[in-house]
Amino acid sequence: SYDAQQRKVIAGVGSYIAKLASHREAATGALFYGPPGTGKDHLATC
């Protein structure tokens, strides 16, 4: 049901993780929103 949207989000999370040290230094976080069961906590835990 969410294949295309999820792939786009996961690619974005991967890019965020690749620059994690810079994000921590700049205090830039990530916000996940969507219906229950779409993997928000899963992605944040990654």
All heavy atoms as atom14 arrays in JSON, in Angstrom:
{
  "sequence": "SYDAQQRKVIAGVGSYIAKLASHREAATGALFYGPPGTGKDHLATC",
  "atom14_mask": [
    [1, 1, 1, 1, 1, 1, 0, 0, 0, 0, 0, 0, 0, 0],
    [1, 1, 1, 1, 1, 1, 1, 1, 1, 1, 1, 1, 0, 0],
    [1, 1, 1, 1, 1, 1, 1, 1, 0, 0, 0, 0, 0, 0],
    [1, 1, 1, 1, 1, 0, 0, 0, 0, 0, 0, 0, 0, 0],
    [1, 1, 1, 1, 1, 1, 1, 1, 1, 0, 0, 0, 0, 0],
    [1, 1, 1, 1, 1, 1, 1, 1, 1, 0, 0, 0, 0, 0],
    [1, 1, 1, 1, 1, 1, 1, 1, 1, 1, 1, 0, 0, 0],
    [1, 1, 1, 1, 1, 1, 1, 1, 1, 0, 0, 0, 0, 0],
    [1, 1, 1, 1, 1, 1, 1, 0, 0, 0, 0, 0, 0, 0],
    [1, 1, 1, 1, 1, 1, 1, 1, 0, 0, 0, 0, 0, 0],
    [1, 1, 1, 1, 1, 0, 0, 0, 0, 0, 0, 0, 0, 0],
    [1, 1, 1, 1, 0, 0, 0, 0, 0, 0, 0, 0, 0, 0],
    [1, 1, 1, 1, 1, 1, 1, 0, 0, 0, 0, 0, 0, 0],
    [1, 1, 1, 1, 0, 0, 0, 0, 0, 0, 0, 0, 0, 0],
    [1, 1, 1, 1, 1, 1, 0, 0, 0, 0, 0, 0, 0, 0],
    [1, 1, 1, 1, 1, 1, 1, 1, 1, 1, 1, 1, 0, 0],
    [1, 1, 1, 1, 1, 1, 1, 1, 0, 0, 0, 0, 0, 0],
    [1, 1, 1, 1, 1, 0, 0, 0, 0, 0, 0, 0, 0, 0],
    [1, 1, 1, 1, 1, 1, 1, 1, 1, 0, 0, 0, 0, 0],
    [1, 1, 1, 1, 1, 1, 1, 1, 0, 0, 0, 0, 0, 0],
    [1, 1, 1, 1, 1, 0, 0, 0, 0, 0, 0, 0, 0, 0],
    [1, 1, 1, 1, 1, 1, 0, 0, 0, 0, 0, 0, 0, 0],
    [1, 1, 1, 1, 1, 1, 1, 1, 1, 1, 0, 0, 0, 0],
    [1, 1, 1, 1, 1, 1, 1, 1, 1, 1, 1, 0, 0, 0],
    [1, 1, 1, 1, 1, 1, 1, 1, 1, 0, 0, 0, 0, 0],
    [1, 1, 1, 1, 1, 0, 0, 0, 0, 0, 0, 0, 0, 0],
    [1, 1, 1, 1, 1, 0, 0, 0, 0, 0, 0, 0, 0, 0],
    [1, 1, 1, 1, 1, 1, 1, 0, 0, 0, 0, 0, 0, 0],
    [1, 1, 1, 1, 0, 0, 0, 0, 0, 0, 0, 0, 0, 0],
    [1, 1, 1, 1, 1, 0, 0, 0, 0, 0, 0, 0, 0, 0],
    [1, 1, 1, 1, 1, 1, 1, 1, 0, 0, 0, 0, 0, 0],
    [1, 1, 1, 1, 1, 1, 1, 1, 1, 1, 1, 0, 0, 0],
    [1, 1, 1, 1, 1, 1, 1, 1, 1, 1, 1, 1, 0, 0],
    [1, 1, 1, 1, 0, 0, 0, 0, 0, 0, 0, 0, 0, 0],
    [1, 1, 1, 1, 1, 1, 1, 0, 0, 0, 0, 0, 0, 0],
    [1, 1, 1, 1, 1, 1, 1, 0, 0, 0, 0, 0, 0, 0],
    [1, 1, 1, 1, 0, 0, 0, 0, 0, 0, 0, 0, 0, 0],
    [1, 1, 1, 1, 1, 1, 1, 0, 0, 0, 0, 0, 0, 0],
    [1, 1, 1, 1, 0, 0, 0, 0, 0, 0, 0, 0, 0, 0],
    [1, 1, 1, 1, 1, 1, 1, 1, 1, 0, 0, 0, 0, 0],
    [1, 1, 1, 1, 1, 1, 1, 1, 0, 0, 0, 0, 0, 0],
    [1, 1, 1, 1, 1, 1, 1, 1, 1, 1, 0, 0, 0, 0],
    [1, 1, 1, 1, 1, 1, 1, 1, 0, 0, 0, 0, 0, 0],
    [1, 1, 1, 1, 1, 0, 0, 0, 0, 0, 0, 0, 0, 0],
    [1, 1, 1, 1, 1, 1, 1, 0, 0, 0, 0, 0, 0, 0],
    [1, 1, 1, 1, 1, 1, 0, 0, 0, 0, 0, 0, 0, 0]
  ],
  "atom14_positions": [
    [[0.81, -1.21, 0.0], [0.0, 0.0, 0.0], [0.85, 1.27, 0.0], [0.41, 2.32, -0.47], [-0.92, 0.01, 1.23], [-1.73, -1.15, 1.26], [0.0, 0.0, 0.0], [0.0, 0.0, 0.0], [0.0, 0.0, 0.0], [0.0, 0.0, 0.0], [0.0, 0.0, 0.0], [0.0, 0.0, 0.0], [0.0, 0.0, 0.0], [0.0, 0.0, 0.0]],
    [[2.06, 1.19, 0.57], [2.89, 2.39, 0.7], [4.26, 2.22, 0.05], [5.2, 2.92, 0.4], [3.09, 2.72, 2.19], [1.82, 2.98, 2.95], [1.27, 1.99, 3.77], [1.16, 4.19, 2.86], [0.09, 2.23, 4.48], [-0.01, 4.43, 3.56], [-0.54, 3.45, 4.36], [-1.7, 3.68, 5.06], [0.0, 0.0, 0.0], [0.0, 0.0, 0.0]],
    [[4.38, 1.34, -0.9], [5.7, 0.98, -1.45], [6.49, 2.19, -1.92], [7.63, 2.41, -1.48], [5.51, -0.01, -2.61], [6.85, -0.5, -3.14], [7.45, 0.22, -3.95], [7.3, -1.59, -2.73], [0.0, 0.0, 0.0], [0.0, 0.0, 0.0], [0.0, 0.0, 0.0], [0.0, 0.0, 0.0], [0.0, 0.0, 0.0], [0.0, 0.0, 0.0]],
    [[5.92, 3.0, -2.81], [6.65, 4.13, -3.37], [7.03, 5.15, -2.31], [8.17, 5.65, -2.26], [5.81, 4.8, -4.47], [0.0, 0.0, 0.0], [0.0, 0.0, 0.0], [0.0, 0.0, 0.0], [0.0, 0.0, 0.0], [0.0, 0.0, 0.0], [0.0, 0.0, 0.0], [0.0, 0.0, 0.0], [0.0, 0.0, 0.0], [0.0, 0.0, 0.0]],
    [[6.05, 5.47, -1.44], [6.34, 6.45, -0.39], [7.4, 5.95, 0.57], [8.29, 6.69, 1.0], [5.05, 6.77, 0.38], [3.97, 7.44, -0.46], [2.98, 6.42, -1.02], [3.4, 5.31, -1.4], [1.71, 6.78, -1.08], [0.0, 0.0, 0.0], [0.0, 0.0, 0.0], [0.0, 0.0, 0.0], [0.0, 0.0, 0.0], [0.0, 0.0, 0.0]],
    [[7.32, 4.66, 0.94], [8.28, 4.11, 1.89], [9.69, 4.08, 1.32], [10.66, 4.38, 2.02], [7.85, 2.7, 2.31], [6.68, 2.68, 3.27], [6.3, 1.27, 3.69], [6.59, 0.31, 2.99], [5.64, 1.14, 4.83], [0.0, 0.0, 0.0], [0.0, 0.0, 0.0], [0.0, 0.0, 0.0], [0.0, 0.0, 0.0], [0.0, 0.0, 0.0]],
    [[9.82, 3.75, 0.06], [11.15, 3.72, -0.56], [11.78, 5.12, -0.56], [12.99, 5.28, -0.33], [11.06, 3.17, -1.98], [10.75, 1.69, -2.03], [10.8, 1.13, -3.44], [10.39, -0.26, -3.46], [11.19, -1.29, -3.16], [12.45, -1.06, -2.85], [10.72, -2.53, -3.2], [0.0, 0.0, 0.0], [0.0, 0.0, 0.0], [0.0, 0.0, 0.0]],
    [[10.96, 6.12, -0.8], [11.47, 7.5, -0.79], [11.92, 7.9, 0.61], [12.98, 8.51, 0.79], [10.39, 8.44, -1.29], [10.82, 9.89, -1.39], [9.71, 10.76, -1.94], [10.13, 12.22, -2.03], [9.05, 13.07, -2.57], [0.0, 0.0, 0.0], [0.0, 0.0, 0.0], [0.0, 0.0, 0.0], [0.0, 0.0, 0.0], [0.0, 0.0, 0.0]],
    [[11.11, 7.54, 1.6], [11.45, 7.88, 2.99], [12.71, 7.15, 3.43], [13.61, 7.73, 4.06], [10.28, 7.54, 3.93], [10.72, 7.65, 5.4], [9.11, 8.47, 3.66], [0.0, 0.0, 0.0], [0.0, 0.0, 0.0], [0.0, 0.0, 0.0], [0.0, 0.0, 0.0], [0.0, 0.0, 0.0], [0.0, 0.0, 0.0], [0.0, 0.0, 0.0]],
    [[12.82, 5.87, 3.1], [13.99, 5.09, 3.51], [15.26, 5.63, 2.87], [16.32, 5.69, 3.5], [13.78, 3.6, 3.17], [12.74, 3.02, 4.14], [15.08, 2.82, 3.26], [12.39, 1.58, 3.88], [0.0, 0.0, 0.0], [0.0, 0.0, 0.0], [0.0, 0.0, 0.0], [0.0, 0.0, 0.0], [0.0, 0.0, 0.0], [0.0, 0.0, 0.0]],
    [[15.16, 6.05, 1.62], [16.32, 6.67, 0.97], [16.73, 7.94, 1.71], [17.92, 8.22, 1.91], [16.0, 6.97, -0.49], [0.0, 0.0, 0.0], [0.0, 0.0, 0.0], [0.0, 0.0, 0.0], [0.0, 0.0, 0.0], [0.0, 0.0, 0.0], [0.0, 0.0, 0.0], [0.0, 0.0, 0.0], [0.0, 0.0, 0.0], [0.0, 0.0, 0.0]],
    [[15.73, 8.72, 2.14], [16.02, 9.93, 2.9], [16.66, 9.64, 4.24], [17.59, 10.34, 4.66], [0.0, 0.0, 0.0], [0.0, 0.0, 0.0], [0.0, 0.0, 0.0], [0.0, 0.0, 0.0], [0.0, 0.0, 0.0], [0.0, 0.0, 0.0], [0.0, 0.0, 0.0], [0.0, 0.0, 0.0], [0.0, 0.0, 0.0], [0.0, 0.0, 0.0]],
    [[16.17, 8.61, 4.91], [16.75, 8.23, 6.2], [18.19, 7.76, 6.02], [19.07, 8.08, 6.83], [15.9, 7.13, 6.88], [16.6, 6.61, 8.14], [14.52, 7.67, 7.25], [0.0, 0.0, 0.0], [0.0, 0.0, 0.0], [0.0, 0.0, 0.0], [0.0, 0.0, 0.0], [0.0, 0.0, 0.0], [0.0, 0.0, 0.0], [0.0, 0.0, 0.0]],
    [[18.43, 7.01, 4.95], [19.8, 6.56, 4.67], [20.74, 7.73, 4.47], [21.88, 7.73, 4.96], [0.0, 0.0, 0.0], [0.0, 0.0, 0.0], [0.0, 0.0, 0.0], [0.0, 0.0, 0.0], [0.0, 0.0, 0.0], [0.0, 0.0, 0.0], [0.0, 0.0, 0.0], [0.0, 0.0, 0.0], [0.0, 0.0, 0.0], [0.0, 0.0, 0.0]],
    [[20.27, 8.76, 3.75], [21.1, 9.96, 3.55], [21.33, 10.7, 4.86], [22.43, 11.23, 5.11], [20.41, 10.89, 2.54], [20.26, 10.26, 1.29], [0.0, 0.0, 0.0], [0.0, 0.0, 0.0], [0.0, 0.0, 0.0], [0.0, 0.0, 0.0], [0.0, 0.0, 0.0], [0.0, 0.0, 0.0], [0.0, 0.0, 0.0], [0.0, 0.0, 0.0]],
    [[20.31, 10.72, 5.71], [20.44, 11.37, 7.01], [21.48, 10.66, 7.86], [22.35, 11.29, 8.48], [19.08, 11.38, 7.71], [19.05, 12.12, 9.01], [18.71, 13.47, 9.06], [19.35, 11.47, 10.21], [18.68, 14.15, 10.27], [19.32, 12.14, 11.42], [18.98, 13.49, 11.45], [18.96, 14.15, 12.64], [0.0, 0.0, 0.0], [0.0, 0.0, 0.0]],
    [[21.43, 9.32, 7.89], [22.38, 8.53, 8.68], [23.8, 8.72, 8.17], [24.76, 8.77, 8.95], [21.98, 7.04, 8.66], [20.69, 6.84, 9.48], [23.09, 6.16, 9.22], [20.15, 5.42, 9.44], [0.0, 0.0, 0.0], [0.0, 0.0, 0.0], [0.0, 0.0, 0.0], [0.0, 0.0, 0.0], [0.0, 0.0, 0.0], [0.0, 0.0, 0.0]],
    [[23.95, 8.86, 6.86], [25.29, 9.03, 6.29], [25.97, 10.32, 6.77], [27.19, 10.42, 6.77], [25.2, 9.03, 4.76], [0.0, 0.0, 0.0], [0.0, 0.0, 0.0], [0.0, 0.0, 0.0], [0.0, 0.0, 0.0], [0.0, 0.0, 0.0], [0.0, 0.0, 0.0], [0.0, 0.0, 0.0], [0.0, 0.0, 0.0], [0.0, 0.0, 0.0]],
    [[25.17, 11.29, 7.19], [25.72, 12.57, 7.66], [25.35, 12.8, 9.12], [25.13, 13.93, 9.55], [25.18, 13.72, 6.8], [25.58, 13.61, 5.33], [24.99, 14.77, 4.52], [25.38, 14.66, 3.05], [24.8, 15.76, 2.24], [0.0, 0.0, 0.0], [0.0, 0.0, 0.0], [0.0, 0.0, 0.0], [0.0, 0.0, 0.0], [0.0, 0.0, 0.0]],
    [[25.31, 11.73, 9.87], [24.81, 11.78, 11.24], [25.62, 12.72, 12.12], [25.06, 13.49, 12.92], [24.8, 10.37, 11.83], [23.77, 10.08, 12.93], [22.36, 10.38, 12.43], [23.88, 8.63, 13.38], [0.0, 0.0, 0.0], [0.0, 0.0, 0.0], [0.0, 0.0, 0.0], [0.0, 0.0, 0.0], [0.0, 0.0, 0.0], [0.0, 0.0, 0.0]],
    [[26.95, 12.67, 12.0], [27.79, 13.52, 12.84], [27.51, 14.99, 12.58], [27.46, 15.8, 13.52], [29.26, 13.2, 12.59], [0.0, 0.0, 0.0], [0.0, 0.0, 0.0], [0.0, 0.0, 0.0], [0.0, 0.0, 0.0], [0.0, 0.0, 0.0], [0.0, 0.0, 0.0], [0.0, 0.0, 0.0], [0.0, 0.0, 0.0], [0.0, 0.0, 0.0]],
    [[27.3, 15.35, 11.32], [27.0, 16.74, 10.97], [25.65, 17.15, 11.52], [25.47, 18.28, 12.01], [27.03, 16.93, 9.45], [28.29, 16.62, 8.92], [0.0, 0.0, 0.0], [0.0, 0.0, 0.0], [0.0, 0.0, 0.0], [0.0, 0.0, 0.0], [0.0, 0.0, 0.0], [0.0, 0.0, 0.0], [0.0, 0.0, 0.0], [0.0, 0.0, 0.0]],
    [[24.67, 16.26, 11.44], [23.33, 16.57, 11.97], [23.38, 16.77, 13.48], [22.69, 17.65, 14.02], [22.35, 15.47, 11.6], [21.97, 15.45, 10.16], [21.4, 16.53, 9.53], [22.08, 14.48, 9.21], [21.16, 16.24, 8.26], [21.58, 15.0, 8.04], [0.0, 0.0, 0.0], [0.0, 0.0, 0.0], [0.0, 0.0, 0.0], [0.0, 0.0, 0.0]],
    [[24.17, 15.96, 14.16], [24.29, 16.12, 15.62], [24.94, 17.46, 15.95], [24.5, 18.17, 16.86], [25.12, 14.99, 16.21], [25.41, 15.16, 17.7], [26.25, 13.99, 18.21], [26.61, 14.2, 19.61], [27.72, 14.83, 20.0], [28.56, 15.34, 19.12], [27.99, 14.96, 21.3], [0.0, 0.0, 0.0], [0.0, 0.0, 0.0], [0.0, 0.0, 0.0]],
    [[25.98, 17.81, 15.21], [26.68, 19.07, 15.45], [25.75, 20.27, 15.23], [25.79, 21.24, 15.98], [27.9, 19.17, 14.53], [28.78, 20.38, 14.78], [29.52, 20.3, 16.11], [29.7, 19.19, 16.63], [29.89, 21.38, 16.61], [0.0, 0.0, 0.0], [0.0, 0.0, 0.0], [0.0, 0.0, 0.0], [0.0, 0.0, 0.0], [0.0, 0.0, 0.0]],
    [[24.91, 20.18, 14.2], [24.0, 21.28, 13.88], [22.67, 21.18, 14.62], [21.83, 22.08, 14.5], [23.75, 21.3, 12.37], [0.0, 0.0, 0.0], [0.0, 0.0, 0.0], [0.0, 0.0, 0.0], [0.0, 0.0, 0.0], [0.0, 0.0, 0.0], [0.0, 0.0, 0.0], [0.0, 0.0, 0.0], [0.0, 0.0, 0.0], [0.0, 0.0, 0.0]],
    [[22.47, 20.09, 15.37], [21.22, 19.86, 16.12], [20.02, 19.85, 15.19], [18.98, 20.44, 15.49], [21.05, 20.9, 17.22], [0.0, 0.0, 0.0], [0.0, 0.0, 0.0], [0.0, 0.0, 0.0], [0.0, 0.0, 0.0], [0.0, 0.0, 0.0], [0.0, 0.0, 0.0], [0.0, 0.0, 0.0], [0.0, 0.0, 0.0], [0.0, 0.0, 0.0]],
    [[20.16, 19.18, 14.05], [19.04, 19.03, 13.12], [18.47, 17.63, 13.27], [19.18, 16.64, 13.05], [19.48, 19.26, 11.67], [20.59, 18.42, 11.36], [19.88, 20.71, 11.44], [0.0, 0.0, 0.0], [0.0, 0.0, 0.0], [0.0, 0.0, 0.0], [0.0, 0.0, 0.0], [0.0, 0.0, 0.0], [0.0, 0.0, 0.0], [0.0, 0.0, 0.0]],
    [[17.21, 17.54, 13.66], [16.59, 16.25, 13.9], [15.8, 15.75, 12.71], [15.89, 16.28, 11.6], [0.0, 0.0, 0.0], [0.0, 0.0, 0.0], [0.0, 0.0, 0.0], [0.0, 0.0, 0.0], [0.0, 0.0, 0.0], [0.0, 0.0, 0.0], [0.0, 0.0, 0.0], [0.0, 0.0, 0.0], [0.0, 0.0, 0.0], [0.0, 0.0, 0.0]],
    [[15.01, 14.71, 12.93], [14.16, 14.12, 11.88], [12.76, 13.95, 12.45], [12.59, 13.53, 13.6], [14.72, 12.77, 11.43], [0.0, 0.0, 0.0], [0.0, 0.0, 0.0], [0.0, 0.0, 0.0], [0.0, 0.0, 0.0], [0.0, 0.0, 0.0], [0.0, 0.0, 0.0], [0.0, 0.0, 0.0], [0.0, 0.0, 0.0], [0.0, 0.0, 0.0]],
    [[11.76, 14.28, 11.66], [10.38, 14.17, 12.06], [9.66, 13.17, 11.16], [9.68, 13.3, 9.94], [9.68, 15.54, 11.96], [8.16, 15.55, 12.22], [7.88, 15.16, 13.67], [7.58, 16.92, 11.9], [0.0, 0.0, 0.0], [0.0, 0.0, 0.0], [0.0, 0.0, 0.0], [0.0, 0.0, 0.0], [0.0, 0.0, 0.0], [0.0, 0.0, 0.0]],
    [[9.06, 12.15, 11.76], [8.29, 11.15, 11.02], [6.81, 11.28, 11.39], [6.47, 11.35, 12.56], [8.78, 9.73, 11.37], [10.21, 9.48, 11.02], [11.21, 9.62, 11.98], [10.58, 9.11, 9.74], [12.54, 9.38, 11.67], [11.91, 8.89, 9.41], [12.89, 9.02, 10.37], [0.0, 0.0, 0.0], [0.0, 0.0, 0.0], [0.0, 0.0, 0.0]],
    [[5.97, 11.32, 10.39], [4.53, 11.38, 10.66], [3.8, 10.5, 9.65], [4.27, 10.29, 8.52], [4.01, 12.82, 10.6], [4.14, 13.49, 9.24], [3.1, 13.45, 8.32], [5.31, 14.16, 8.9], [3.22, 14.05, 7.08], [5.44, 14.76, 7.66], [4.4, 14.71, 6.76], [4.53, 15.3, 5.53], [0.0, 0.0, 0.0], [0.0, 0.0, 0.0]],
    [[2.67, 9.97, 10.07], [1.88, 9.1, 9.21], [0.95, 8.25, 10.04], [0.97, 8.3, 11.28], [0.0, 0.0, 0.0], [0.0, 0.0, 0.0], [0.0, 0.0, 0.0], [0.0, 0.0, 0.0], [0.0, 0.0, 0.0], [0.0, 0.0, 0.0], [0.0, 0.0, 0.0], [0.0, 0.0, 0.0], [0.0, 0.0, 0.0], [0.0, 0.0, 0.0]],
    [[0.13, 7.43, 9.38], [-0.83, 6.57, 10.08], [-0.12, 5.56, 10.98], [1.07, 5.27, 10.79], [-1.58, 5.85, 8.94], [-1.31, 6.68, 7.72], [0.04, 7.29, 7.91], [0.0, 0.0, 0.0], [0.0, 0.0, 0.0], [0.0, 0.0, 0.0], [0.0, 0.0, 0.0], [0.0, 0.0, 0.0], [0.0, 0.0, 0.0], [0.0, 0.0, 0.0]],
    [[-0.81, 5.01, 11.96], [-0.22, 3.98, 12.83], [0.24, 2.78, 12.01], [-0.41, 2.4, 11.02], [-1.36, 3.6, 13.77], [-2.27, 4.78, 13.77], [-2.18, 5.36, 12.4], [0.0, 0.0, 0.0], [0.0, 0.0, 0.0], [0.0, 0.0, 0.0], [0.0, 0.0, 0.0], [0.0, 0.0, 0.0], [0.0, 0.0, 0.0], [0.0, 0.0, 0.0]],
    [[1.36, 2.2, 12.41], [1.84, 0.98, 11.77], [2.63, 1.19, 10.5], [2.94, 0.22, 9.79], [0.0, 0.0, 0.0], [0.0, 0.0, 0.0], [0.0, 0.0, 0.0], [0.0, 0.0, 0.0], [0.0, 0.0, 0.0], [0.0, 0.0, 0.0], [0.0, 0.0, 0.0], [0.0, 0.0, 0.0], [0.0, 0.0, 0.0], [0.0, 0.0, 0.0]],
    [[3.01, 2.42, 10.18], [3.77, 2.67, 8.96], [5.28, 2.68, 9.2], [6.05, 2.92, 8.27], [3.34, 4.0, 8.31], [3.37, 5.04, 9.3], [1.93, 3.89, 7.76], [0.0, 0.0, 0.0], [0.0, 0.0, 0.0], [0.0, 0.0, 0.0], [0.0, 0.0, 0.0], [0.0, 0.0, 0.0], [0.0, 0.0, 0.0], [0.0, 0.0, 0.0]],
    [[5.72, 2.44, 10.43], [7.16, 2.27, 10.7], [7.89, 3.5, 11.19], [9.11, 3.59, 11.04], [0.0, 0.0, 0.0], [0.0, 0.0, 0.0], [0.0, 0.0, 0.0], [0.0, 0.0, 0.0], [0.0, 0.0, 0.0], [0.0, 0.0, 0.0], [0.0, 0.0, 0.0], [0.0, 0.0, 0.0], [0.0, 0.0, 0.0], [0.0, 0.0, 0.0]],
    [[7.17, 4.42, 11.81], [7.82, 5.66, 12.26], [8.88, 5.38, 13.33], [10.02, 5.84, 13.23], [6.76, 6.64, 12.79], [5.74, 7.06, 11.74], [4.75, 8.07, 12.29], [3.86, 7.48, 13.37], [2.99, 6.37, 12.86], [0.0, 0.0, 0.0], [0.0, 0.0, 0.0], [0.0, 0.0, 0.0], [0.0, 0.0, 0.0], [0.0, 0.0, 0.0]],
    [[8.5, 4.63, 14.36], [9.47, 4.31, 15.43], [10.58, 3.41, 14.9], [11.73, 3.5, 15.35], [8.75, 3.62, 16.59], [8.13, 4.61, 17.56], [8.14, 5.82, 17.24], [7.63, 4.18, 18.61], [0.0, 0.0, 0.0], [0.0, 0.0, 0.0], [0.0, 0.0, 0.0], [0.0, 0.0, 0.0], [0.0, 0.0, 0.0], [0.0, 0.0, 0.0]],
    [[10.25, 2.54, 13.96], [11.25, 1.65, 13.36], [12.34, 2.49, 12.68], [13.54, 2.26, 12.9], [10.57, 0.72, 12.36], [11.49, -0.31, 11.77], [11.29, -1.67, 11.94], [12.62, -0.2, 11.03], [12.26, -2.33, 11.31], [13.06, -1.46, 10.74], [0.0, 0.0, 0.0], [0.0, 0.0, 0.0], [0.0, 0.0, 0.0], [0.0, 0.0, 0.0]],
    [[11.94, 3.45, 11.87], [12.9, 4.28, 11.15], [13.71, 5.14, 12.11], [14.92, 5.3, 11.95], [12.17, 5.16, 10.13], [11.57, 4.44, 8.93], [10.7, 5.39, 8.11], [12.66, 3.83, 8.06], [0.0, 0.0, 0.0], [0.0, 0.0, 0.0], [0.0, 0.0, 0.0], [0.0, 0.0, 0.0], [0.0, 0.0, 0.0], [0.0, 0.0, 0.0]],
    [[13.02, 5.7, 13.12], [13.74, 6.52, 14.1], [14.78, 5.69, 14.85], [15.89, 6.16, 15.14], [12.75, 7.15, 15.07], [0.0, 0.0, 0.0], [0.0, 0.0, 0.0], [0.0, 0.0, 0.0], [0.0, 0.0, 0.0], [0.0, 0.0, 0.0], [0.0, 0.0, 0.0], [0.0, 0.0, 0.0], [0.0, 0.0, 0.0], [0.0, 0.0, 0.0]],
    [[14.43, 4.43, 15.15], [15.37, 3.57, 15.86], [16.56, 3.2, 14.97], [17.67, 3.0, 15.47], [14.65, 2.29, 16.34], [13.57, 2.66, 17.21], [15.6, 1.39, 17.12], [0.0, 0.0, 0.0], [0.0, 0.0, 0.0], [0.0, 0.0, 0.0], [0.0, 0.0, 0.0], [0.0, 0.0, 0.0], [0.0, 0.0, 0.0], [0.0, 0.0, 0.0]],
    [[16.35, 3.12, 13.67], [17.48, 2.89, 12.75], [18.5, 4.01, 12.9], [19.72, 3.78, 12.87], [16.98, 2.82, 11.31], [16.07, 1.32, 10.9], [0.0, 0.0, 0.0], [0.0, 0.0, 0.0], [0.0, 0.0, 0.0], [0.0, 0.0, 0.0], [0.0, 0.0, 0.0], [0.0, 0.0, 0.0], [0.0, 0.0, 0.0], [0.0, 0.0, 0.0]]
  ]
}
